[in-house]
């Protein structure tokens, strides 16, 4: 699906399906925060987020497909269908991004 979202969000979502986490350096603010309340995770900083993405991909063999995105002046909400080795797979997730000055400041991941 061709969806409209900020370039930083596109890069992040594309990286979810690869082990090339160095691409995240170009889209995350230095003090970016990723919140994953389902797993009680509060991940802070580029390196910690890169490690989380790589670990999740490896641990669960994730494949994430963007099915919709809605952008407002304040945020971008991306709905995905994620498949992998985890209970309930496949599962829809909602990623809410706050992007300022072209960089992701925060990401909140919730079941959709």
PDB file of N, CA and C in Angstrom:
ATOM      1  N   UNK A   1       0.839  -1.177   0.000  1.00  0.00           N
ATOM      2  CA  UNK A   1       0.000   0.000   0.000  1.00  0.00           C
ATOM      3  C   UNK A   1       0.882   1.237   0.000  1.00  0.00           C
ATOM      4  N   UNK A   2       0.559   2.183  -0.825  1.00  0.00           N
ATOM      5  CA  UNK A   2       1.280   3.444  -0.885  1.00  0.00           C
ATOM      6  C   UNK A   2       0.661   4.404   0.112  1.00  0.00           C
ATOM      7  N   UNK A   3       1.372   4.679   1.201  1.00  0.00           N
ATOM      8  CA  UNK A   3       0.834   5.533   2.251  1.00  0.00           C
ATOM      9  C   UNK A   3       1.709   6.754   2.426  1.00  0.00           C
ATOM     10  N   UNK A   4       1.097   7.849   2.885  1.00  0.00           N
ATOM     11  CA  UNK A   4       1.779   9.110   3.064  1.00  0.00           C
ATOM     12  C   UNK A   4       2.251   9.245   4.505  1.00  0.00           C
ATOM     13  N   UNK A   5       3.565   9.359   4.686  1.00  0.00           N
ATOM     14  CA  UNK A   5       4.123   9.558   6.020  1.00  0.00           C
ATOM     15  C   UNK A   5       5.463  10.269   5.891  1.00  0.00           C
ATOM     16  N   UNK A   6       5.897  10.926   6.960  1.00  0.00           N
ATOM     17  CA  UNK A   6       7.189  11.621   6.914  1.00  0.00           C
ATOM     18  C   UNK A   6       8.330  10.665   6.568  1.00  0.00           C
ATOM     19  N   UNK A   7       9.365  11.203   5.934  1.00  0.00           N
ATOM     20  CA  UNK A   7      10.502  10.385   5.504  1.00  0.00           C
ATOM     21  C   UNK A   7      11.129   9.625   6.668  1.00  0.00           C
ATOM     22  N   UNK A   8      11.248  10.255   7.833  1.00  0.00           N
ATOM     23  CA  UNK A   8      11.843   9.586   8.996  1.00  0.00           C
ATOM     24  C   UNK A   8      11.036   8.352   9.387  1.00  0.00           C
ATOM     25  N   UNK A   9       9.724   8.453   9.311  1.00  0.00           N
ATOM     26  CA  UNK A   9       8.854   7.317   9.652  1.00  0.00           C
ATOM     27  C   UNK A   9       8.999   6.215   8.612  1.00  0.00           C
ATOM     28  N   UNK A  10       9.084   6.595   7.328  1.00  0.00           N
ATOM     29  CA  UNK A  10       9.293   5.597   6.271  1.00  0.00           C
ATOM     30  C   UNK A  10      10.571   4.810   6.520  1.00  0.00           C
ATOM     31  N   UNK A  11      11.644   5.518   6.856  1.00  0.00           N
ATOM     32  CA  UNK A  11      12.925   4.844   7.105  1.00  0.00           C
ATOM     33  C   UNK A  11      12.796   3.885   8.281  1.00  0.00           C
ATOM     34  N   UNK A  12      12.152   4.340   9.365  1.00  0.00           N
ATOM     35  CA  UNK A  12      11.992   3.476  10.536  1.00  0.00           C
ATOM     36  C   UNK A  12      11.208   2.220  10.169  1.00  0.00           C
ATOM     37  N   UNK A  13      10.092   2.377   9.475  1.00  0.00           N
ATOM     38  CA  UNK A  13       9.249   1.234   9.144  1.00  0.00           C
ATOM     39  C   UNK A  13       9.975   0.274   8.188  1.00  0.00           C
ATOM     40  N   UNK A  14      10.738   0.799   7.240  1.00  0.00           N
ATOM     41  CA  UNK A  14      11.503  -0.061   6.336  1.00  0.00           C
ATOM     42  C   UNK A  14      12.554  -0.856   7.111  1.00  0.00           C
ATOM     43  N   UNK A  15      13.133  -0.250   8.123  1.00  0.00           N
ATOM     44  CA  UNK A  15      14.172  -0.898   8.920  1.00  0.00           C
ATOM     45  C   UNK A  15      13.604  -2.035   9.769  1.00  0.00           C
ATOM     46  N   UNK A  16      12.312  -2.018  10.031  1.00  0.00           N
ATOM     47  CA  UNK A  16      11.705  -3.080  10.831  1.00  0.00           C
ATOM     48  C   UNK A  16      11.847  -4.451  10.163  1.00  0.00           C
ATOM     49  N   UNK A  17      12.095  -4.480   8.859  1.00  0.00           N
ATOM     50  CA  UNK A  17      12.201  -5.747   8.127  1.00  0.00           C
ATOM     51  C   UNK A  17      13.629  -6.079   7.710  1.00  0.00           C
ATOM     52  N   UNK A  18      14.595  -5.451   8.342  1.00  0.00           N
ATOM     53  CA  UNK A  18      15.988  -5.696   7.985  1.00  0.00           C
ATOM     54  C   UNK A  18      16.854  -5.669   9.238  1.00  0.00           C
ATOM     55  N   UNK A  19      18.060  -6.147   9.102  1.00  0.00           N
ATOM     56  CA  UNK A  19      19.003  -6.080  10.221  1.00  0.00           C
ATOM     57  C   UNK A  19      19.916  -4.855  10.086  1.00  0.00           C
ATOM     58  N   UNK A  20      19.670  -4.020   9.097  1.00  0.00           N
ATOM     59  CA  UNK A  20      20.485  -2.833   8.833  1.00  0.00           C
ATOM     60  C   UNK A  20      20.038  -1.662   9.694  1.00  0.00           C
ATOM     61  N   UNK A  21      20.230  -1.787  10.991  1.00  0.00           N
ATOM     62  CA  UNK A  21      19.733  -0.762  11.914  1.00  0.00           C
ATOM     63  C   UNK A  21      20.506   0.544  11.835  1.00  0.00           C
ATOM     64  N   UNK A  22      21.655   0.572  11.138  1.00  0.00           N
ATOM     65  CA  UNK A  22      22.397   1.835  11.019  1.00  0.00           C
ATOM     66  C   UNK A  22      21.586   2.897  10.295  1.00  0.00           C
ATOM     67  N   UNK A  23      20.594   2.478   9.505  1.00  0.00           N
ATOM     68  CA  UNK A  23      19.719   3.438   8.834  1.00  0.00           C
ATOM     69  C   UNK A  23      18.931   4.278   9.840  1.00  0.00           C
ATOM     70  N   UNK A  24      18.745   3.746  11.042  1.00  0.00           N
ATOM     71  CA  UNK A  24      17.998   4.480  12.070  1.00  0.00           C
ATOM     72  C   UNK A  24      18.732   5.732  12.533  1.00  0.00           C
ATOM     73  N   UNK A  25      20.050   5.786  12.321  1.00  0.00           N
ATOM     74  CA  UNK A  25      20.820   6.980  12.689  1.00  0.00           C
ATOM     75  C   UNK A  25      20.299   8.225  11.977  1.00  0.00           C
ATOM     76  N   UNK A  26      19.735   8.035  10.784  1.00  0.00           N
ATOM     77  CA  UNK A  26      19.286   9.179   9.981  1.00  0.00           C
ATOM     78  C   UNK A  26      17.865   9.627  10.281  1.00  0.00           C
ATOM     79  N   UNK A  27      17.138   8.855  11.105  1.00  0.00           N
ATOM     80  CA  UNK A  27      15.729   9.215  11.322  1.00  0.00           C
ATOM     81  C   UNK A  27      15.360   9.428  12.782  1.00  0.00           C
ATOM     82  N   UNK A  28      16.249   9.073  13.713  1.00  0.00           N
ATOM     83  CA  UNK A  28      15.942   9.208  15.138  1.00  0.00           C
ATOM     84  C   UNK A  28      16.677  10.387  15.762  1.00  0.00           C
ATOM     85  N   UNK A  29      15.984  11.133  16.610  1.00  0.00           N
ATOM     86  CA  UNK A  29      16.630  12.174  17.403  1.00  0.00           C
ATOM     87  C   UNK A  29      17.543  11.503  18.426  1.00  0.00           C
ATOM     88  N   UNK A  30      18.573  12.186  18.863  1.00  0.00           N
ATOM     89  CA  UNK A  30      19.540  11.576  19.786  1.00  0.00           C
ATOM     90  C   UNK A  30      18.900  11.116  21.091  1.00  0.00           C
ATOM     91  N   UNK A  31      17.848  11.798  21.505  1.00  0.00           N
ATOM     92  CA  UNK A  31      17.159  11.424  22.754  1.00  0.00           C
ATOM     93  C   UNK A  31      15.797  10.807  22.492  1.00  0.00           C
ATOM     94  N   UNK A  32      15.652  10.158  21.338  1.00  0.00           N
ATOM     95  CA  UNK A  32      14.375   9.526  20.990  1.00  0.00           C
ATOM     96  C   UNK A  32      13.997   8.471  22.029  1.00  0.00           C
ATOM     97  N   UNK A  33      12.680   8.278  22.178  1.00  0.00           N
ATOM     98  CA  UNK A  33      12.140   7.314  23.138  1.00  0.00           C
ATOM     99  C   UNK A  33      11.186   6.390  22.402  1.00  0.00           C
ATOM    100  N   UNK A  34      11.305   5.083  22.657  1.00  0.00           N
ATOM    101  CA  UNK A  34      10.374   4.100  22.127  1.00  0.00           C
ATOM    102  C   UNK A  34       9.654   3.471  23.313  1.00  0.00           C
ATOM    103  N   UNK A  35       8.337   3.589  23.308  1.00  0.00           N
ATOM    104  CA  UNK A  35       7.513   3.026  24.378  1.00  0.00           C
ATOM    105  C   UNK A  35       6.786   1.804  23.839  1.00  0.00           C
ATOM    106  N   UNK A  36       6.950   0.696  24.541  1.00  0.00           N
ATOM    107  CA  UNK A  36       6.288  -0.562  24.190  1.00  0.00           C
ATOM    108  C   UNK A  36       5.581  -1.056  25.443  1.00  0.00           C
ATOM    109  N   UNK A  37       4.405  -0.449  25.781  1.00  0.00           N
ATOM    110  CA  UNK A  37       3.734  -0.779  27.037  1.00  0.00           C
ATOM    111  C   UNK A  37       3.341  -2.242  27.170  1.00  0.00           C
ATOM    112  N   UNK A  38       3.075  -2.915  26.056  1.00  0.00           N
ATOM    113  CA  UNK A  38       2.674  -4.325  26.123  1.00  0.00           C
ATOM    114  C   UNK A  38       3.772  -5.167  26.767  1.00  0.00           C
ATOM    115  N   UNK A  39       5.025  -4.814  26.521  1.00  0.00           N
ATOM    116  CA  UNK A  39       6.158  -5.530  27.106  1.00  0.00           C
ATOM    117  C   UNK A  39       6.838  -4.728  28.214  1.00  0.00           C
ATOM    118  N   UNK A  40       6.192  -3.627  28.628  1.00  0.00           N
ATOM    119  CA  UNK A  40       6.710  -2.778  29.698  1.00  0.00           C
ATOM    120  C   UNK A  40       8.116  -2.272  29.376  1.00  0.00           C
ATOM    121  N   UNK A  41       8.329  -1.883  28.112  1.00  0.00           N
ATOM    122  CA  UNK A  41       9.626  -1.368  27.682  1.00  0.00           C
ATOM    123  C   UNK A  41       9.572   0.137  27.499  1.00  0.00           C
ATOM    124  N   UNK A  42      10.593   0.813  27.976  1.00  0.00           N
ATOM    125  CA  UNK A  42      10.787   2.253  27.822  1.00  0.00           C
ATOM    126  C   UNK A  42      12.234   2.405  27.368  1.00  0.00           C
ATOM    127  N   UNK A  43      12.436   2.494  26.044  1.00  0.00           N
ATOM    128  CA  UNK A  43      13.773   2.448  25.465  1.00  0.00           C
ATOM    129  C   UNK A  43      14.174   3.862  25.059  1.00  0.00           C
ATOM    130  N   UNK A  44      15.346   4.303  25.521  1.00  0.00           N
ATOM    131  CA  UNK A  44      15.776   5.683  25.303  1.00  0.00           C
ATOM    132  C   UNK A  44      17.105   5.744  24.571  1.00  0.00           C
ATOM    133  N   UNK A  45      17.144   6.568  23.533  1.00  0.00           N
ATOM    134  CA  UNK A  45      18.378   6.803  22.788  1.00  0.00           C
ATOM    135  C   UNK A  45      18.491   5.948  21.539  1.00  0.00           C
ATOM    136  N   UNK A  46      19.255   6.475  20.578  1.00  0.00           N
ATOM    137  CA  UNK A  46      19.385   5.802  19.282  1.00  0.00           C
ATOM    138  C   UNK A  46      19.940   4.389  19.431  1.00  0.00           C
ATOM    139  N   UNK A  47      21.032   4.234  20.160  1.00  0.00           N
ATOM    140  CA  UNK A  47      21.662   2.906  20.254  1.00  0.00           C
ATOM    141  C   UNK A  47      20.750   1.892  20.920  1.00  0.00           C
ATOM    142  N   UNK A  48      20.025   2.309  21.953  1.00  0.00           N
ATOM    143  CA  UNK A  48      19.100   1.389  22.632  1.00  0.00           C
ATOM    144  C   UNK A  48      17.948   1.001  21.711  1.00  0.00           C
ATOM    145  N   UNK A  49      17.442   1.952  20.930  1.00  0.00           N
ATOM    146  CA  UNK A  49      16.350   1.647  19.998  1.00  0.00           C
ATOM    147  C   UNK A  49      16.852   0.728  18.882  1.00  0.00           C
ATOM    148  N   UNK A  50      18.049   0.984  18.373  1.00  0.00           N
ATOM    149  CA  UNK A  50      18.632   0.113  17.351  1.00  0.00           C
ATOM    150  C   UNK A  50      18.768  -1.315  17.884  1.00  0.00           C
ATOM    151  N   UNK A  51      19.222  -1.454  19.104  1.00  0.00           N
ATOM    152  CA  UNK A  51      19.368  -2.785  19.710  1.00  0.00           C
ATOM    153  C   UNK A  51      18.011  -3.457  19.872  1.00  0.00           C
ATOM    154  N   UNK A  52      16.997  -2.698  20.288  1.00  0.00           N
ATOM    155  CA  UNK A  52      15.645  -3.244  20.458  1.00  0.00           C
ATOM    156  C   UNK A  52      15.104  -3.756  19.121  1.00  0.00           C
ATOM    157  N   UNK A  53      15.259  -2.959  18.060  1.00  0.00           N
ATOM    158  CA  UNK A  53      14.765  -3.357  16.734  1.00  0.00           C
ATOM    159  C   UNK A  53      15.485  -4.629  16.265  1.00  0.00           C
ATOM    160  N   UNK A  54      16.799  -4.660  16.387  1.00  0.00           N
ATOM    161  CA  UNK A  54      17.570  -5.831  15.950  1.00  0.00           C
ATOM    162  C   UNK A  54      17.218  -7.062  16.778  1.00  0.00           C
ATOM    163  N   UNK A  55      17.123  -6.899  18.092  1.00  0.00           N
ATOM    164  CA  UNK A  55      16.798  -8.026  18.971  1.00  0.00           C
ATOM    165  C   UNK A  55      15.401  -8.568  18.683  1.00  0.00           C
ATOM    166  N   UNK A  56      14.434  -7.662  18.479  1.00  0.00           N
ATOM    167  CA  UNK A  56      13.063  -8.087  18.195  1.00  0.00           C
ATOM    168  C   UNK A  56      12.990  -8.847  16.875  1.00  0.00           C
ATOM    169  N   UNK A  57      13.676  -8.331  15.862  1.00  0.00           N
ATOM    170  CA  UNK A  57      13.694  -8.979  14.546  1.00  0.00           C
ATOM    171  C   UNK A  57      14.276 -10.392  14.662  1.00  0.00           C
ATOM    172  N   UNK A  58      15.394 -10.489  15.382  1.00  0.00           N
ATOM    173  CA  UNK A  58      16.062 -11.791  15.518  1.00  0.00           C
ATOM    174  C   UNK A  58      15.260 -12.754  16.392  1.00  0.00           C
ATOM    175  N   UNK A  59      14.792 -12.283  17.527  1.00  0.00           N
ATOM    176  CA  UNK A  59      14.089 -13.135  18.498  1.00  0.00           C
ATOM    177  C   UNK A  59      12.770 -13.666  17.950  1.00  0.00           C
ATOM    178  N   UNK A  60      12.026 -12.791  17.259  1.00  0.00           N
ATOM    179  CA  UNK A  60      10.676 -13.158  16.821  1.00  0.00           C
ATOM    180  C   UNK A  60      10.556 -13.378  15.312  1.00  0.00           C
ATOM    181  N   UNK A  61      11.655 -13.216  14.550  1.00  0.00           N
ATOM    182  CA  UNK A  61      11.634 -13.372  13.100  1.00  0.00           C
ATOM    183  C   UNK A  61      10.492 -12.546  12.501  1.00  0.00           C
ATOM    184  N   UNK A  62      10.484 -11.257  12.808  1.00  0.00           N
ATOM    185  CA  UNK A  62       9.378 -10.378  12.446  1.00  0.00           C
ATOM    186  C   UNK A  62       9.368  -9.997  10.968  1.00  0.00           C
ATOM    187  N   UNK A  63       8.162  -9.879  10.446  1.00  0.00           N
ATOM    188  CA  UNK A  63       7.915  -9.332   9.117  1.00  0.00           C
ATOM    189  C   UNK A  63       6.755  -8.348   9.275  1.00  0.00           C
ATOM    190  N   UNK A  64       7.041  -7.076   9.049  1.00  0.00           N
ATOM    191  CA  UNK A  64       6.061  -6.016   9.297  1.00  0.00           C
ATOM    192  C   UNK A  64       5.625  -5.385   7.991  1.00  0.00           C
ATOM    193  N   UNK A  65       4.308  -5.302   7.789  1.00  0.00           N
ATOM    194  CA  UNK A  65       3.726  -4.682   6.602  1.00  0.00           C
ATOM    195  C   UNK A  65       2.876  -3.495   7.024  1.00  0.00           C
ATOM    196  N   UNK A  66       3.158  -2.333   6.464  1.00  0.00           N
ATOM    197  CA  UNK A  66       2.348  -1.145   6.731  1.00  0.00           C
ATOM    198  C   UNK A  66       1.051  -1.283   5.963  1.00  0.00           C
ATOM    199  N   UNK A  67      -0.080  -1.149   6.686  1.00  0.00           N
ATOM    200  CA  UNK A  67      -1.370  -1.249   6.002  1.00  0.00           C
ATOM    201  C   UNK A  67      -2.109   0.092   5.957  1.00  0.00           C
ATOM    202  N   UNK A  68      -1.698   1.045   6.800  1.00  0.00           N
ATOM    203  CA  UNK A  68      -2.315   2.368   6.769  1.00  0.00           C
ATOM    204  C   UNK A  68      -1.450   3.343   7.545  1.00  0.00           C
ATOM    205  N   UNK A  69      -1.557   4.617   7.209  1.00  0.00           N
ATOM    206  CA  UNK A  69      -0.867   5.671   7.944  1.00  0.00           C
ATOM    207  C   UNK A  69      -1.689   6.945   7.873  1.00  0.00           C
ATOM    208  N   UNK A  70      -1.745   7.636   8.995  1.00  0.00           N
ATOM    209  CA  UNK A  70      -2.479   8.899   9.085  1.00  0.00           C
ATOM    210  C   UNK A  70      -1.549   9.912   9.728  1.00  0.00           C
ATOM    211  N   UNK A  71      -1.296  11.021   9.032  1.00  0.00           N
ATOM    212  CA  UNK A  71      -0.431  12.063   9.568  1.00  0.00           C
ATOM    213  C   UNK A  71      -1.238  13.316   9.863  1.00  0.00           C
ATOM    214  N   UNK A  72      -0.947  13.914  11.010  1.00  0.00           N
ATOM    215  CA  UNK A  72      -1.493  15.222  11.375  1.00  0.00           C
ATOM    216  C   UNK A  72      -0.303  16.139  11.647  1.00  0.00           C
ATOM    217  N   UNK A  73      -0.581  17.368  12.003  1.00  0.00           N
ATOM    218  CA  UNK A  73       0.498  18.301  12.337  1.00  0.00           C
ATOM    219  C   UNK A  73       1.268  17.836  13.567  1.00  0.00           C
ATOM    220  N   UNK A  74       0.613  17.086  14.447  1.00  0.00           N
ATOM    221  CA  UNK A  74       1.231  16.680  15.712  1.00  0.00           C
ATOM    222  C   UNK A  74       1.888  15.301  15.679  1.00  0.00           C
ATOM    223  N   UNK A  75       1.340  14.374  14.866  1.00  0.00           N
ATOM    224  CA  UNK A  75       1.848  13.005  14.929  1.00  0.00           C
ATOM    225  C   UNK A  75       1.523  12.234  13.655  1.00  0.00           C
ATOM    226  N   UNK A  76       2.138  11.067  13.561  1.00  0.00           N
ATOM    227  CA  UNK A  76       1.831  10.118  12.489  1.00  0.00           C
ATOM    228  C   UNK A  76       1.506   8.785  13.138  1.00  0.00           C
ATOM    229  N   UNK A  77       0.365   8.230  12.771  1.00  0.00           N
ATOM    230  CA  UNK A  77      -0.046   6.922  13.282  1.00  0.00           C
ATOM    231  C   UNK A  77       0.036   5.929  12.126  1.00  0.00           C
ATOM    232  N   UNK A  78       0.795   4.851  12.349  1.00  0.00           N
ATOM    233  CA  UNK A  78       0.986   3.816  11.339  1.00  0.00           C
ATOM    234  C   UNK A  78       0.403   2.517  11.868  1.00  0.00           C
ATOM    235  N   UNK A  79      -0.457   1.898  11.070  1.00  0.00           N
ATOM    236  CA  UNK A  79      -1.027   0.592  11.415  1.00  0.00           C
ATOM    237  C   UNK A  79      -0.294  -0.459  10.593  1.00  0.00           C
ATOM    238  N   UNK A  80       0.165  -1.504  11.287  1.00  0.00           N
ATOM    239  CA  UNK A  80       0.904  -2.565  10.609  1.00  0.00           C
ATOM    240  C   UNK A  80       0.254  -3.918  10.860  1.00  0.00           C
ATOM    241  N   UNK A  81       0.580  -4.847  10.005  1.00  0.00           N
ATOM    242  CA  UNK A  81       0.288  -6.257  10.243  1.00  0.00           C
ATOM    243  C   UNK A  81       1.647  -6.920  10.389  1.00  0.00           C
ATOM    244  N   UNK A  82       1.901  -7.463  11.562  1.00  0.00           N
ATOM    245  CA  UNK A  82       3.199  -8.052  11.868  1.00  0.00           C
ATOM    246  C   UNK A  82       3.053  -9.545  12.079  1.00  0.00           C
ATOM    247  N   UNK A  83       3.911 -10.285  11.371  1.00  0.00           N
ATOM    248  CA  UNK A  83       3.947 -11.749  11.482  1.00  0.00           C
ATOM    249  C   UNK A  83       5.278 -12.143  12.095  1.00  0.00           C
ATOM    250  N   UNK A  84       5.264 -13.246  12.821  1.00  0.00           N
ATOM    251  CA  UNK A  84       6.507 -13.733  13.402  1.00  0.00           C
ATOM    252  C   UNK A  84       6.259 -14.856  14.376  1.00  0.00           C
ATOM    253  N   UNK A  85       7.293 -15.190  15.110  1.00  0.00           N
ATOM    254  CA  UNK A  85       7.220 -16.260  16.104  1.00  0.00           C
ATOM    255  C   UNK A  85       6.857 -15.687  17.465  1.00  0.00           C
ATOM    256  N   UNK A  86       5.603 -15.259  17.600  1.00  0.00           N
ATOM    257  CA  UNK A  86       5.104 -14.753  18.870  1.00  0.00           C
ATOM    258  C   UNK A  86       3.633 -15.118  18.996  1.00  0.00           C
ATOM    259  N   UNK A  87       3.132 -15.253  20.221  1.00  0.00           N
ATOM    260  CA  UNK A  87       1.721 -15.614  20.412  1.00  0.00           C
ATOM    261  C   UNK A  87       0.793 -14.588  19.760  1.00  0.00           C
ATOM    262  N   UNK A  88      -0.216 -15.071  19.054  1.00  0.00           N
ATOM    263  CA  UNK A  88      -1.192 -14.195  18.413  1.00  0.00           C
ATOM    264  C   UNK A  88      -0.809 -13.753  17.012  1.00  0.00           C
ATOM    265  N   UNK A  89       0.321 -14.221  16.507  1.00  0.00           N
ATOM    266  CA  UNK A  89       0.755 -13.841  15.164  1.00  0.00           C
ATOM    267  C   UNK A  89      -0.197 -14.416  14.122  1.00  0.00           C
ATOM    268  N   UNK A  90      -0.548 -13.637  13.100  1.00  0.00           N
ATOM    269  CA  UNK A  90      -0.185 -12.240  12.871  1.00  0.00           C
ATOM    270  C   UNK A  90      -1.009 -11.304  13.755  1.00  0.00           C
ATOM    271  N   UNK A  91      -0.439 -10.139  14.026  1.00  0.00           N
ATOM    272  CA  UNK A  91      -1.062  -9.161  14.922  1.00  0.00           C
ATOM    273  C   UNK A  91      -0.962  -7.774  14.302  1.00  0.00           C
ATOM    274  N   UNK A  92      -2.030  -6.993  14.431  1.00  0.00           N
ATOM    275  CA  UNK A  92      -1.984  -5.594  14.024  1.00  0.00           C
ATOM    276  C   UNK A  92      -1.404  -4.770  15.168  1.00  0.00           C
ATOM    277  N   UNK A  93      -0.529  -3.818  14.794  1.00  0.00           N
ATOM    278  CA  UNK A  93       0.046  -2.896  15.766  1.00  0.00           C
ATOM    279  C   UNK A  93      -0.153  -1.465  15.298  1.00  0.00           C
ATOM    280  N   UNK A  94      -0.234  -0.572  16.259  1.00  0.00           N
ATOM    281  CA  UNK A  94      -0.314   0.856  16.004  1.00  0.00           C
ATOM    282  C   UNK A  94       0.977   1.497  16.501  1.00  0.00           C
ATOM    283  N   UNK A  95       1.659   2.184  15.610  1.00  0.00           N
ATOM    284  CA  UNK A  95       2.865   2.936  15.957  1.00  0.00           C
ATOM    285  C   UNK A  95       2.499   4.414  15.893  1.00  0.00           C
ATOM    286  N   UNK A  96       2.645   5.134  16.984  1.00  0.00           N
ATOM    287  CA  UNK A  96       2.402   6.569  16.957  1.00  0.00           C
ATOM    288  C   UNK A  96       3.740   7.285  17.080  1.00  0.00           C
ATOM    289  N   UNK A  97       4.051   8.061  16.055  1.00  0.00           N
ATOM    290  CA  UNK A  97       5.324   8.774  15.966  1.00  0.00           C
ATOM    291  C   UNK A  97       5.124  10.262  16.204  1.00  0.00           C
ATOM    292  N   UNK A  98       6.031  10.855  16.951  1.00  0.00           N
ATOM    293  CA  UNK A  98       6.142  12.306  17.048  1.00  0.00           C
ATOM    294  C   UNK A  98       7.436  12.660  16.321  1.00  0.00           C
ATOM    295  N   UNK A  99       7.312  13.472  15.269  1.00  0.00           N
ATOM    296  CA  UNK A  99       8.457  13.871  14.460  1.00  0.00           C
ATOM    297  C   UNK A  99       8.599  15.386  14.536  1.00  0.00           C
ATOM    298  N   UNK A 100       9.807  15.837  14.890  1.00  0.00           N
ATOM    299  CA  UNK A 100      10.115  17.274  14.919  1.00  0.00           C
ATOM    300  C   UNK A 100      11.436  17.492  14.222  1.00  0.00           C
ATOM    301  N   UNK A 101      11.483  18.534  13.390  1.00  0.00           N
ATOM    302  CA  UNK A 101      12.703  18.889  12.663  1.00  0.00           C
ATOM    303  C   UNK A 101      13.224  17.707  11.840  1.00  0.00           C
ATOM    304  N   UNK A 102      12.300  16.898  11.320  1.00  0.00           N
ATOM    305  CA  UNK A 102      12.652  15.787  10.451  1.00  0.00           C
ATOM    306  C   UNK A 102      13.161  14.533  11.149  1.00  0.00           C
ATOM    307  N   UNK A 103      13.144  14.534  12.502  1.00  0.00           N
ATOM    308  CA  UNK A 103      13.626  13.380  13.256  1.00  0.00           C
ATOM    309  C   UNK A 103      12.558  12.863  14.210  1.00  0.00           C
ATOM    310  N   UNK A 104      12.532  11.559  14.388  1.00  0.00           N
ATOM    311  CA  UNK A 104      11.573  10.937  15.301  1.00  0.00           C
ATOM    312  C   UNK A 104      12.000  11.226  16.735  1.00  0.00           C
ATOM    313  N   UNK A 105      11.062  11.811  17.494  1.00  0.00           N
ATOM    314  CA  UNK A 105      11.301  12.118  18.903  1.00  0.00           C
ATOM    315  C   UNK A 105      10.799  10.989  19.795  1.00  0.00           C
ATOM    316  N   UNK A 106       9.631  10.435  19.417  1.00  0.00           N
ATOM    317  CA  UNK A 106       9.069   9.345  20.210  1.00  0.00           C
ATOM    318  C   UNK A 106       8.250   8.409  19.338  1.00  0.00           C
ATOM    319  N   UNK A 107       8.182   7.152  19.812  1.00  0.00           N
ATOM    320  CA  UNK A 107       7.412   6.099  19.156  1.00  0.00           C
ATOM    321  C   UNK A 107       6.671   5.355  20.254  1.00  0.00           C
ATOM    322  N   UNK A 108       5.364   5.231  20.086  1.00  0.00           N
ATOM    323  CA  UNK A 108       4.554   4.479  21.024  1.00  0.00           C
ATOM    324  C   UNK A 108       3.928   3.314  20.262  1.00  0.00           C
ATOM    325  N   UNK A 109       4.229   2.087  20.682  1.00  0.00           N
ATOM    326  CA  UNK A 109       3.747   0.888  19.982  1.00  0.00           C
ATOM    327  C   UNK A 109       2.671   0.212  20.825  1.00  0.00           C
ATOM    328  N   UNK A 110       1.489   0.022  20.229  1.00  0.00           N
ATOM    329  CA  UNK A 110       0.372  -0.620  20.921  1.00  0.00           C
ATOM    330  C   UNK A 110      -0.297  -1.614  19.983  1.00  0.00           C
ATOM    331  N   UNK A 111      -0.922  -2.665  20.535  1.00  0.00           N
ATOM    332  CA  UNK A 111      -1.758  -3.516  19.686  1.00  0.00           C
ATOM    333  C   UNK A 111      -2.878  -2.674  19.072  1.00  0.00           C
ATOM    334  N   UNK A 112      -3.186  -2.929  17.809  1.00  0.00           N
ATOM    335  CA  UNK A 112      -4.232  -2.133  17.150  1.00  0.00           C
ATOM    336  C   UNK A 112      -5.583  -2.828  17.259  1.00  0.00           C
TER     337      UNK A 112
END
